[in-house]
C-alpha atoms as a PDB file:
ATOM      1  CA  UNK A   1      79.036  95.527 125.422  1.00  0.00           C
ATOM      2  CA  UNK A   2      75.641  97.216 125.243  1.00  0.00           C
ATOM      3  CA  UNK A   3      74.320  94.759 127.810  1.00  0.00           C
ATOM      4  CA  UNK A   4      76.991  95.992 130.240  1.00  0.00           C
ATOM      5  CA  UNK A   5      76.047  99.631 129.667  1.00  0.00           C
ATOM      6  CA  UNK A   6      78.758 100.511 127.135  1.00  0.00           C
ATOM      7  CA  UNK A   7      77.528 101.671 123.777  1.00  0.00           C
ATOM      8  CA  UNK A   8      80.263 101.305 121.182  1.00  0.00           C
ATOM      9  CA  UNK A   9      80.320 103.977 118.494  1.00  0.00           C
ATOM     10  CA  UNK A  10      82.622 105.785 116.054  1.00  0.00           C
ATOM     11  CA  UNK A  11      84.457 102.683 114.869  1.00  0.00           C
ATOM     12  CA  UNK A  12      87.396 103.075 112.518  1.00  0.00           C
ATOM     13  CA  UNK A  13      88.986 100.504 110.252  1.00  0.00           C
ATOM     14  CA  UNK A  14      91.974 100.296 107.945  1.00  0.00           C
ATOM     15  CA  UNK A  15      90.118  97.989 105.559  1.00  0.00           C
ATOM     16  CA  UNK A  16      90.259  99.546 102.059  1.00  0.00           C
ATOM     17  CA  UNK A  17      86.480  99.906 101.807  1.00  0.00           C
ATOM     18  CA  UNK A  18      86.423 101.923 105.079  1.00  0.00           C
ATOM     19  CA  UNK A  19      89.328 104.265 104.387  1.00  0.00           C
ATOM     20  CA  UNK A  20      87.463 107.486 103.577  1.00  0.00           C
ATOM     21  CA  UNK A  21      89.844 109.868 105.347  1.00  0.00           C
ATOM     22  CA  UNK A  22      93.590 109.471 105.236  1.00  0.00           C
ATOM     23  CA  UNK A  23      94.566 110.464 108.801  1.00  0.00           C
ATOM     24  CA  UNK A  24      92.493 110.601 112.002  1.00  0.00           C
ATOM     25  CA  UNK A  25      93.222 111.463 115.627  1.00  0.00           C
ATOM     26  CA  UNK A  26      93.379 108.359 117.817  1.00  0.00           C
ATOM     27  CA  UNK A  27      94.159 108.318 121.569  1.00  0.00           C
ATOM     28  CA  UNK A  28      96.348 111.399 121.300  1.00  0.00           C
ATOM     29  CA  UNK A  29      98.139 109.964 118.274  1.00  0.00           C
ATOM     30  CA  UNK A  30      97.575 110.271 114.530  1.00  0.00           C
ATOM     31  CA  UNK A  31      96.574 107.164 112.573  1.00  0.00           C
ATOM     32  CA  UNK A  32      97.277 107.151 108.858  1.00  0.00           C
ATOM     33  CA  UNK A  33      94.664 104.595 107.837  1.00  0.00           C
ATOM     34  CA  UNK A  34      95.828 104.134 104.254  1.00  0.00           C
ATOM     35  CA  UNK A  35      99.385 103.223 105.381  1.00  0.00           C
ATOM     36  CA  UNK A  36      98.229 101.798 108.756  1.00  0.00           C
ATOM     37  CA  UNK A  37     100.878 103.853 110.582  1.00  0.00           C
ATOM     38  CA  UNK A  38     100.695 105.595 113.986  1.00  0.00           C
ATOM     39  CA  UNK A  39     102.542 108.855 114.624  1.00  0.00           C
ATOM     40  CA  UNK A  40     102.787 111.428 117.408  1.00  0.00           C
ATOM     41  CA  UNK A  41     100.198 114.223 117.318  1.00  0.00           C
ATOM     42  CA  UNK A  42     102.036 117.550 117.619  1.00  0.00           C
ATOM     43  CA  UNK A  43      99.195 119.994 116.827  1.00  0.00           C
ATOM     44  CA  UNK A  44      99.427 121.315 120.391  1.00  0.00           C
ATOM     45  CA  UNK A  45     102.953 122.737 119.866  1.00  0.00           C
ATOM     46  CA  UNK A  46     101.453 125.929 118.407  1.00  0.00           C
ATOM     47  CA  UNK A  47      99.370 126.451 121.563  1.00  0.00           C
ATOM     48  CA  UNK A  48     102.321 126.682 123.979  1.00  0.00           C
ATOM     49  CA  UNK A  49     103.880 130.088 124.602  1.00  0.00           C
ATOM     50  CA  UNK A  50     107.551 129.692 125.516  1.00  0.00           C
ATOM     51  CA  UNK A  51     108.244 133.408 125.998  1.00  0.00           C
ATOM     52  CA  UNK A  52     107.585 133.249 129.748  1.00  0.00           C
ATOM     53  CA  UNK A  53     108.052 129.797 131.244  1.00  0.00           C
ATOM     54  CA  UNK A  54     106.654 128.971 134.662  1.00  0.00           C
ATOM     55  CA  UNK A  55     106.053 125.728 136.509  1.00  0.00           C
ATOM     56  CA  UNK A  56     102.441 125.926 135.250  1.00  0.00           C
ATOM     57  CA  UNK A  57     103.606 126.298 131.619  1.00  0.00           C
ATOM     58  CA  UNK A  58     105.942 123.333 132.002  1.00  0.00           C
ATOM     59  CA  UNK A  59     103.251 121.122 133.517  1.00  0.00           C
ATOM     60  CA  UNK A  60     100.794 122.026 130.768  1.00  0.00           C
ATOM     61  CA  UNK A  61     103.286 121.249 127.977  1.00  0.00           C
ATOM     62  CA  UNK A  62     104.351 118.034 129.704  1.00  0.00           C
ATOM     63  CA  UNK A  63     100.809 116.701 129.736  1.00  0.00           C
ATOM     64  CA  UNK A  64     100.091 117.760 126.168  1.00  0.00           C
ATOM     65  CA  UNK A  65     102.921 115.492 125.024  1.00  0.00           C
ATOM     66  CA  UNK A  66     100.550 112.540 125.231  1.00  0.00           C
ATOM     67  CA  UNK A  67     102.016 109.154 124.322  1.00  0.00           C
ATOM     68  CA  UNK A  68      99.683 106.352 125.497  1.00  0.00           C
ATOM     69  CA  UNK A  69     101.726 103.554 123.908  1.00  0.00           C
ATOM     70  CA  UNK A  70     105.074 104.941 125.173  1.00  0.00           C
ATOM     71  CA  UNK A  71     106.661 105.183 121.717  1.00  0.00           C
ATOM     72  CA  UNK A  72     108.725 108.181 122.832  1.00  0.00           C
ATOM     73  CA  UNK A  73     108.902 107.688 126.615  1.00  0.00           C
ATOM     74  CA  UNK A  74     112.448 109.039 127.031  1.00  0.00           C
ATOM     75  CA  UNK A  75     111.338 112.261 125.317  1.00  0.00           C
ATOM     76  CA  UNK A  76     108.228 112.695 127.469  1.00  0.00           C
ATOM     77  CA  UNK A  77     110.198 111.890 130.616  1.00  0.00           C
ATOM     78  CA  UNK A  78     112.565 114.859 130.176  1.00  0.00           C
ATOM     79  CA  UNK A  79     110.104 117.628 131.146  1.00  0.00           C
ATOM     80  CA  UNK A  80     108.930 115.565 134.114  1.00  0.00           C
ATOM     81  CA  UNK A  81     112.496 115.523 135.420  1.00  0.00           C
ATOM     82  CA  UNK A  82     112.698 119.281 134.821  1.00  0.00           C
ATOM     83  CA  UNK A  83     109.472 119.742 136.799  1.00  0.00           C
ATOM     84  CA  UNK A  84     111.073 117.868 139.692  1.00  0.00           C
ATOM     85  CA  UNK A  85     113.811 120.499 139.675  1.00  0.00           C
ATOM     86  CA  UNK A  86     111.200 123.272 140.006  1.00  0.00           C
ATOM     87  CA  UNK A  87     109.834 121.565 143.111  1.00  0.00           C
ATOM     88  CA  UNK A  88     113.329 121.242 144.598  1.00  0.00           C
ATOM     89  CA  UNK A  89     113.867 124.955 143.950  1.00  0.00           C
ATOM     90  CA  UNK A  90     110.524 125.718 145.674  1.00  0.00           C
ATOM     91  CA  UNK A  91     109.317 127.749 142.706  1.00  0.00           C
ATOM     92  CA  UNK A  92     105.711 128.941 142.773  1.00  0.00           C
ATOM     93  CA  UNK A  93     103.289 128.028 139.964  1.00  0.00           C
ATOM     94  CA  UNK A  94     103.398 131.384 138.170  1.00  0.00           C
ATOM     95  CA  UNK A  95     106.981 132.345 138.979  1.00  0.00           C
ATOM     96  CA  UNK A  96     109.413 132.345 136.040  1.00  0.00           C
ATOM     97  CA  UNK A  97     111.846 129.459 136.199  1.00  0.00           C
ATOM     98  CA  UNK A  98     115.610 129.983 136.491  1.00  0.00           C
ATOM     99  CA  UNK A  99     117.568 130.637 133.283  1.00  0.00           C
ATOM    100  CA  UNK A 100     119.428 127.300 133.145  1.00  0.00           C
ATOM    101  CA  UNK A 101     116.171 125.370 133.504  1.00  0.00           C
ATOM    102  CA  UNK A 102     114.484 127.672 130.994  1.00  0.00           C
ATOM    103  CA  UNK A 103     117.191 126.922 128.406  1.00  0.00           C
ATOM    104  CA  UNK A 104     116.839 123.193 129.040  1.00  0.00           C
ATOM    105  CA  UNK A 105     113.050 123.350 128.645  1.00  0.00           C
ATOM    106  CA  UNK A 106     113.174 125.497 125.475  1.00  0.00           C
ATOM    107  CA  UNK A 107     115.700 123.109 123.926  1.00  0.00           C
ATOM    108  CA  UNK A 108     113.442 120.128 124.746  1.00  0.00           C
ATOM    109  CA  UNK A 109     110.412 121.964 123.356  1.00  0.00           C
ATOM    110  CA  UNK A 110     112.123 122.923 120.087  1.00  0.00           C
ATOM    111  CA  UNK A 111     113.463 119.414 119.560  1.00  0.00           C
ATOM    112  CA  UNK A 112     109.916 117.991 119.740  1.00  0.00           C
ATOM    113  CA  UNK A 113     109.569 118.803 116.034  1.00  0.00           C
ATOM    114  CA  UNK A 114     111.799 115.774 115.383  1.00  0.00           C
ATOM    115  CA  UNK A 115     108.977 113.544 116.657  1.00  0.00           C
ATOM    116  CA  UNK A 116     107.209 114.157 113.347  1.00  0.00           C
ATOM    117  CA  UNK A 117     109.601 111.542 111.971  1.00  0.00           C
ATOM    118  CA  UNK A 118     108.428 108.826 114.390  1.00  0.00           C
ATOM    119  CA  UNK A 119     106.162 106.479 112.456  1.00  0.00           C
ATOM    120  CA  UNK A 120     105.165 103.147 113.982  1.00  0.00           C
ATOM    121  CA  UNK A 121     103.334 100.393 112.109  1.00  0.00           C
ATOM    122  CA  UNK A 122     100.048  99.693 113.906  1.00  0.00           C
ATOM    123  CA  UNK A 123     100.555  95.969 113.440  1.00  0.00           C
ATOM    124  CA  UNK A 124     103.844  94.072 113.359  1.00  0.00           C
ATOM    125  CA  UNK A 125     103.791  90.425 112.324  1.00  0.00           C
ATOM    126  CA  UNK A 126     106.190  88.908 114.875  1.00  0.00           C
ATOM    127  CA  UNK A 127     106.259  86.078 117.367  1.00  0.00           C
ATOM    128  CA  UNK A 128     107.649  86.923 120.811  1.00  0.00           C
ATOM    129  CA  UNK A 129     109.908  84.274 122.288  1.00  0.00           C
ATOM    130  CA  UNK A 130     111.631  85.702 125.340  1.00  0.00           C
ATOM    131  CA  UNK A 131     111.587  88.929 127.328  1.00  0.00           C
ATOM    132  CA  UNK A 132     113.311  90.319 130.385  1.00  0.00           C
ATOM    133  CA  UNK A 133     113.057  93.550 132.372  1.00  0.00           C
ATOM    134  CA  UNK A 134     116.213  95.456 133.260  1.00  0.00           C
ATOM    135  CA  UNK A 135     116.061  98.656 135.320  1.00  0.00           C
ATOM    136  CA  UNK A 136     118.700 101.265 134.453  1.00  0.00           C
ATOM    137  CA  UNK A 137     120.053 102.408 137.794  1.00  0.00           C
ATOM    138  CA  UNK A 138     121.154 106.037 137.273  1.00  0.00           C
ATOM    139  CA  UNK A 139     118.043 107.494 135.574  1.00  0.00           C
ATOM    140  CA  UNK A 140     114.392 106.477 135.491  1.00  0.00           C
ATOM    141  CA  UNK A 141     114.602 104.820 132.068  1.00  0.00           C
ATOM    142  CA  UNK A 142     113.314 101.268 132.410  1.00  0.00           C
ATOM    143  CA  UNK A 143     114.473  99.066 129.588  1.00  0.00           C
ATOM    144  CA  UNK A 144     112.390  96.263 128.220  1.00  0.00           C
ATOM    145  CA  UNK A 145     114.329  93.836 126.062  1.00  0.00           C
ATOM    146  CA  UNK A 146     112.475  91.620 123.638  1.00  0.00           C
ATOM    147  CA  UNK A 147     114.080  88.801 121.721  1.00  0.00           C
ATOM    148  CA  UNK A 148     112.140  88.617 118.497  1.00  0.00           C
ATOM    149  CA  UNK A 149     111.804  85.737 116.112  1.00  0.00           C
ATOM    150  CA  UNK A 150     110.555  87.002 112.773  1.00  0.00           C
ATOM    151  CA  UNK A 151     108.799  84.432 110.676  1.00  0.00           C
ATOM    152  CA  UNK A 152     109.480  84.804 106.960  1.00  0.00           C
ATOM    153  CA  UNK A 153     106.506  84.191 104.709  1.00  0.00           C
END
């Protein structure tokens, strides 16, 4: 990698001899190294003021809900659909959004606390056999179906 101009640094490992801190930030997620579990990083929730909600506020909160591995895609899609509504209503960036949209956004924002319960093993010992892609027609929720064969040790 160094030959190509990329210097690798700050490596992390879940090997017992390298676990000196329990949880670290990793690609917008939290990695519990001792349990080898990924979870959603919600530190940013305290930074968002939901007293006055504008298109700018919504966009900022939407992009802070970072989920690079798409563990909670349906949750992060909701504010994007709400933002579409602000464009259809021709709202300006710093104009307060309409009450019905405000209620919808505040409900979404408050329910984000539930994402603290999402815990995904970093490694799953499975063998993939078959997959197919099925688009859901009414809403932009693509569904990926995996048929899994789990090998018992």
